[in-house]
Amino acid sequence: MDSNFLIIFLLALCILLIKYYTPKIKGLIGENKASKALKRLNNEKYIVLNNIELNIKGSTSQIDHIIVSDYGIFVIETKNYKGWILGYEKDKFWTQAIYKYRRKFYNPILQNQGHIYALKHVLKNYKYLRYYSIITFTKRATLKTKTYTDVVYINRLVRTIKKYDSYYINEHTKNEIVAIILTAKTNSRNKDKKLQVNSGMNKNTLCPNCGGNLIERNGQYGTFLGCNNFPRCKYTRNKK
């Protein structure tokens, strides 16, 4: 009797563990596939951060991938679902359909908006930044979605990122943003040893309007500090 009870208990425990961990394992597989795809990006123009967890006002936001680039900040949510994926931009829930099976899940576009909100809070001193939300699915899924936000398969992820090609952030500011994100994150997993970030940058050399570098210029009344993004940014300051 005792041995039968033990066997039943162990089987029940195994079933619970499988139900609990299977979605997490599938999620990690999807994230790993996206990480491999993102390695194709030019690391001089794009700095890829994987699995960044931020805690904002008591709420935890786990962001699959953040890319700090010359062209803005890309925030990527990865899904590893199979079957048909049906949904619209503003629906609260989307539907996963596998034959007669139907399951609702929270709209990943809205989920990613929450991630961007958390990131904006961390980068609140950089109000000029452009954020791009991308939702990516593995090929296990068949996308039947209608959205303005980019919802793409992983094999089209890099191509989707590269379509945003207007230069926007200089190297100095890009590295500073990465340093701030790494300082703010609450988890230590997936540290990139190749990532070289100078977190001790002098904020007095940054333009308060756009985050560009202040460089020495010569004018009618002598030398002064001007933004290197001139003429897009016309900020100037007397040299001390």
Protein backbone atom coordinates (compact mmCIF):
# COMPACT_ATOMS: atom_id res chain seq x y z
CA MET A 1 0.00 0.00 0.00
CA ASP A 2 2.77 2.39 0.98
CA SER A 3 4.80 1.55 -2.13
CA ASN A 4 1.76 2.09 -4.38
CA PHE A 5 1.09 5.43 -2.74
CA LEU A 6 4.74 6.41 -3.24
CA ILE A 7 4.60 5.48 -6.94
CA ILE A 8 1.38 7.46 -7.45
CA PHE A 9 2.88 10.43 -5.58
CA LEU A 10 6.05 10.37 -7.70
CA LEU A 11 4.05 10.13 -10.92
CA ALA A 12 1.86 13.06 -9.89
CA LEU A 13 4.98 15.05 -8.98
CA CYS A 14 6.56 14.28 -12.36
CA ILE A 15 3.41 15.42 -14.18
CA LEU A 16 3.35 18.68 -12.21
CA LEU A 17 7.04 19.32 -12.91
CA ILE A 18 6.58 18.64 -16.62
CA LYS A 19 3.60 21.01 -16.79
CA TYR A 20 5.53 23.69 -14.91
CA TYR A 21 8.87 23.47 -16.68
CA THR A 22 7.84 22.61 -20.26
CA PRO A 23 6.70 26.18 -21.14
CA LYS A 24 9.89 27.57 -19.58
CA ILE A 25 12.06 25.15 -21.55
CA LYS A 26 10.23 25.97 -24.79
CA GLY A 27 10.64 29.67 -24.03
CA LEU A 28 14.38 29.24 -23.49
CA ILE A 29 14.68 27.34 -26.77
CA GLY A 30 12.96 30.21 -28.59
CA GLU A 31 15.18 32.80 -26.90
CA ASN A 32 18.28 30.80 -27.79
CA LYS A 33 17.27 30.65 -31.47
CA ALA A 34 16.70 34.41 -31.51
CA SER A 35 20.07 34.99 -29.78
CA LYS A 36 21.83 32.97 -32.48
CA ALA A 37 20.07 34.95 -35.21
CA LEU A 38 21.05 38.26 -33.60
CA LYS A 39 24.73 37.30 -33.70
CA ARG A 40 24.59 38.06 -37.42
CA LEU A 41 24.25 41.77 -36.63
CA ASN A 42 27.30 44.02 -36.93
CA ASN A 43 28.53 44.38 -33.34
CA GLU A 44 29.95 47.82 -34.09
CA LYS A 45 26.45 49.11 -34.84
CA TYR A 46 24.34 46.86 -32.59
CA ILE A 47 24.93 45.84 -28.96
CA VAL A 48 22.76 42.84 -28.09
CA LEU A 49 21.67 42.21 -24.49
CA ASN A 50 19.88 38.93 -23.77
CA ASN A 51 17.54 38.12 -20.87
CA ILE A 52 17.48 41.42 -19.02
CA GLU A 53 15.33 41.53 -15.89
CA LEU A 54 14.29 44.92 -14.54
CA ASN A 55 12.39 45.66 -11.35
CA ILE A 56 10.31 48.83 -11.65
CA LYS A 57 8.14 49.97 -8.75
CA GLY A 58 7.93 46.43 -7.37
CA SER A 59 7.03 44.83 -10.73
CA THR A 60 9.49 42.56 -12.54
CA SER A 61 9.90 42.87 -16.30
CA GLN A 62 11.86 40.08 -18.01
CA ILE A 63 12.95 41.25 -21.46
CA ASP A 64 14.12 38.56 -23.87
CA HIS A 65 16.38 40.77 -25.99
CA ILE A 66 17.36 44.43 -26.02
CA ILE A 67 19.44 45.85 -28.86
CA VAL A 68 21.08 49.23 -28.33
CA SER A 69 21.99 50.40 -31.81
CA ASP A 70 23.02 53.39 -33.88
CA TYR A 71 19.39 53.52 -35.01
CA GLY A 72 17.51 53.28 -31.71
CA ILE A 73 16.53 50.71 -29.08
CA PHE A 74 15.00 47.43 -30.23
CA VAL A 75 12.95 45.48 -27.68
CA ILE A 76 12.24 41.91 -28.76
CA GLU A 77 9.77 39.42 -27.30
CA THR A 78 10.30 35.81 -28.42
CA LYS A 79 7.59 33.12 -28.54
CA ASN A 80 8.11 29.43 -29.24
CA TYR A 81 4.49 28.37 -29.80
CA LYS A 82 3.23 25.91 -32.38
CA GLY A 83 -0.03 25.94 -34.31
CA TRP A 84 -1.94 28.87 -35.73
CA ILE A 85 -1.46 32.19 -33.94
CA LEU A 86 -4.44 34.52 -34.35
CA GLY A 87 -4.75 38.08 -33.09
CA TYR A 88 -4.94 41.81 -33.77
CA GLU A 89 -2.84 44.74 -32.57
CA LYS A 90 -5.08 45.84 -29.69
CA ASP A 91 -6.66 42.53 -28.63
CA LYS A 92 -5.99 41.80 -24.98
CA PHE A 93 -5.53 38.11 -25.76
CA TRP A 94 -4.39 36.18 -28.81
CA THR A 95 -5.34 32.60 -29.64
CA GLN A 96 -3.19 29.55 -30.23
CA ALA A 97 -5.06 26.99 -32.37
CA ILE A 98 -3.94 23.40 -32.91
CA TYR A 99 -6.74 21.59 -34.73
CA LYS A 100 -9.70 21.75 -32.29
CA TYR A 101 -7.53 22.85 -29.38
CA ARG A 102 -7.77 26.54 -28.51
CA ARG A 103 -5.74 28.42 -25.94
CA LYS A 104 -5.69 32.13 -25.18
CA PHE A 105 -2.50 33.94 -24.20
CA TYR A 106 -1.73 37.55 -23.37
CA ASN A 107 -1.12 39.71 -26.45
CA PRO A 108 2.72 39.81 -26.80
CA ILE A 109 2.52 43.30 -28.30
CA LEU A 110 0.95 44.58 -25.08
CA GLN A 111 3.46 42.50 -23.11
CA ASN A 112 6.32 44.16 -24.97
CA GLN A 113 4.81 47.60 -24.38
CA GLY A 114 5.21 46.86 -20.68
CA HIS A 115 8.85 45.99 -21.28
CA ILE A 116 9.41 49.25 -23.16
CA TYR A 117 7.73 51.16 -20.32
CA ALA A 118 10.18 49.59 -17.84
CA LEU A 119 13.12 50.39 -20.12
CA LYS A 120 11.99 54.00 -20.54
CA HIS A 121 11.88 54.29 -16.76
CA VAL A 122 15.49 53.10 -16.52
CA LEU A 123 16.53 55.44 -19.36
CA LYS A 124 14.38 58.36 -18.23
CA ASN A 125 17.21 60.84 -18.81
CA TYR A 126 17.20 59.96 -22.53
CA LYS A 127 13.77 61.17 -23.56
CA TYR A 128 14.72 61.51 -27.23
CA LEU A 129 15.32 57.78 -27.77
CA ARG A 130 13.39 55.79 -30.37
CA TYR A 131 12.06 52.39 -29.32
CA TYR A 132 11.13 49.64 -31.76
CA SER A 133 8.96 46.73 -30.60
CA ILE A 134 9.39 43.41 -32.41
CA ILE A 135 7.58 40.15 -31.67
CA THR A 136 9.23 37.05 -33.10
CA PHE A 137 7.95 33.48 -33.38
CA THR A 138 9.77 30.27 -34.30
CA LYS A 139 8.71 28.37 -37.42
CA ARG A 140 6.66 26.02 -35.23
CA ALA A 141 3.92 28.65 -35.49
CA THR A 142 1.78 29.76 -38.42
CA LEU A 143 1.14 33.47 -38.03
CA LYS A 144 -2.40 34.65 -38.78
CA THR A 145 -2.02 38.08 -37.20
CA LYS A 146 -2.88 41.58 -38.41
CA THR A 147 -0.76 44.22 -36.69
CA TYR A 148 1.12 47.47 -37.20
CA THR A 149 3.86 46.29 -34.85
CA ASP A 150 6.40 43.94 -36.43
CA VAL A 151 5.39 40.31 -35.77
CA VAL A 152 7.81 38.09 -37.66
CA TYR A 153 9.44 34.67 -37.81
CA ILE A 154 12.94 34.39 -36.34
CA ASN A 155 14.48 33.85 -39.78
CA ARG A 156 13.24 37.36 -40.72
CA LEU A 157 14.28 39.02 -37.45
CA VAL A 158 17.61 40.48 -38.59
CA ARG A 159 16.09 41.72 -41.86
CA THR A 160 13.29 43.42 -39.90
CA ILE A 161 15.80 45.16 -37.61
CA LYS A 162 17.87 46.40 -40.53
CA LYS A 163 14.94 48.13 -42.20
CA TYR A 164 15.27 50.82 -39.52
CA ASP A 165 18.39 52.53 -40.85
CA SER A 166 18.22 56.20 -39.88
CA TYR A 167 21.30 57.03 -37.83
CA TYR A 168 20.22 58.25 -34.42
CA ILE A 169 22.62 57.44 -31.53
CA ASN A 170 26.36 58.11 -31.41
CA GLU A 171 28.89 55.61 -30.05
CA HIS A 172 29.47 57.43 -26.77
CA THR A 173 25.77 57.61 -25.89
CA LYS A 174 25.17 54.03 -27.04
CA ASN A 175 27.81 52.67 -24.65
CA GLU A 176 26.49 54.80 -21.81
CA ILE A 177 22.94 53.47 -22.34
CA VAL A 178 24.24 49.88 -22.25
CA ALA A 179 26.09 50.59 -19.01
CA ILE A 180 22.92 51.98 -17.41
CA ILE A 181 20.85 48.93 -18.44
CA LEU A 182 23.47 46.50 -17.13
CA THR A 183 23.64 48.39 -13.85
CA ALA A 184 19.84 48.39 -13.50
CA LYS A 185 19.26 44.71 -14.29
CA THR A 186 18.42 42.49 -11.34
CA ASN A 187 19.64 39.18 -12.79
CA SER A 188 23.20 38.19 -13.65
CA ARG A 189 22.56 35.45 -16.22
CA ASN A 190 24.03 35.55 -19.74
CA LYS A 191 26.84 38.01 -19.11
CA ASP A 192 28.59 38.77 -22.39
CA LYS A 193 32.34 38.77 -21.77
CA LYS A 194 32.92 40.51 -25.09
CA LEU A 195 30.80 43.48 -24.05
CA GLN A 196 33.10 46.37 -23.26
CA VAL A 197 31.24 49.25 -21.61
CA ASN A 198 32.73 52.36 -20.08
CA SER A 199 30.34 53.12 -17.22
CA GLY A 200 32.46 55.98 -15.90
CA MET A 201 31.71 58.42 -18.69
CA ASN A 202 31.72 62.10 -17.86
CA LYS A 203 28.15 63.35 -18.16
CA ASN A 204 29.48 66.94 -18.47
CA THR A 205 30.58 66.07 -22.01
CA LEU A 206 27.07 64.99 -23.05
CA CYS A 207 24.53 67.23 -24.74
CA PRO A 208 21.50 67.62 -22.42
CA ASN A 209 19.20 68.04 -25.44
CA CYS A 210 19.95 64.92 -27.45
CA GLY A 211 22.64 62.96 -25.61
CA GLY A 212 25.31 63.65 -28.24
CA ASN A 213 28.94 64.52 -27.50
CA LEU A 214 29.90 68.11 -26.72
CA ILE A 215 33.01 69.03 -28.69
CA GLU A 216 35.16 72.14 -28.76
CA ARG A 217 34.40 74.58 -31.56
CA ASN A 218 35.75 77.96 -32.60
CA GLY A 219 33.36 80.87 -33.00
CA GLN A 220 33.28 84.63 -33.45
CA TYR A 221 33.76 85.16 -29.72
CA GLY A 222 36.26 82.40 -29.06
CA THR A 223 35.97 78.69 -28.28
CA PHE A 224 32.79 77.05 -27.02
CA LEU A 225 31.27 73.57 -26.64
CA GLY A 226 28.80 72.49 -29.31
CA CYS A 227 26.85 69.29 -29.98
CA ASN A 228 28.40 66.94 -32.53
CA ASN A 229 24.90 66.32 -33.91
CA PHE A 230 24.81 69.88 -35.33
CA PRO A 231 22.83 71.01 -37.34
CA ARG A 232 20.17 68.56 -36.09
CA CYS A 233 20.90 69.76 -32.56
CA LYS A 234 22.01 73.37 -32.03
CA TYR A 235 22.88 73.18 -28.31
CA THR A 236 25.96 75.21 -27.25
CA ARG A 237 27.65 75.99 -23.97
CA ASN A 238 30.46 78.32 -22.96
CA LYS A 239 33.70 76.52 -22.30
CA LYS A 240 34.67 76.69 -18.62
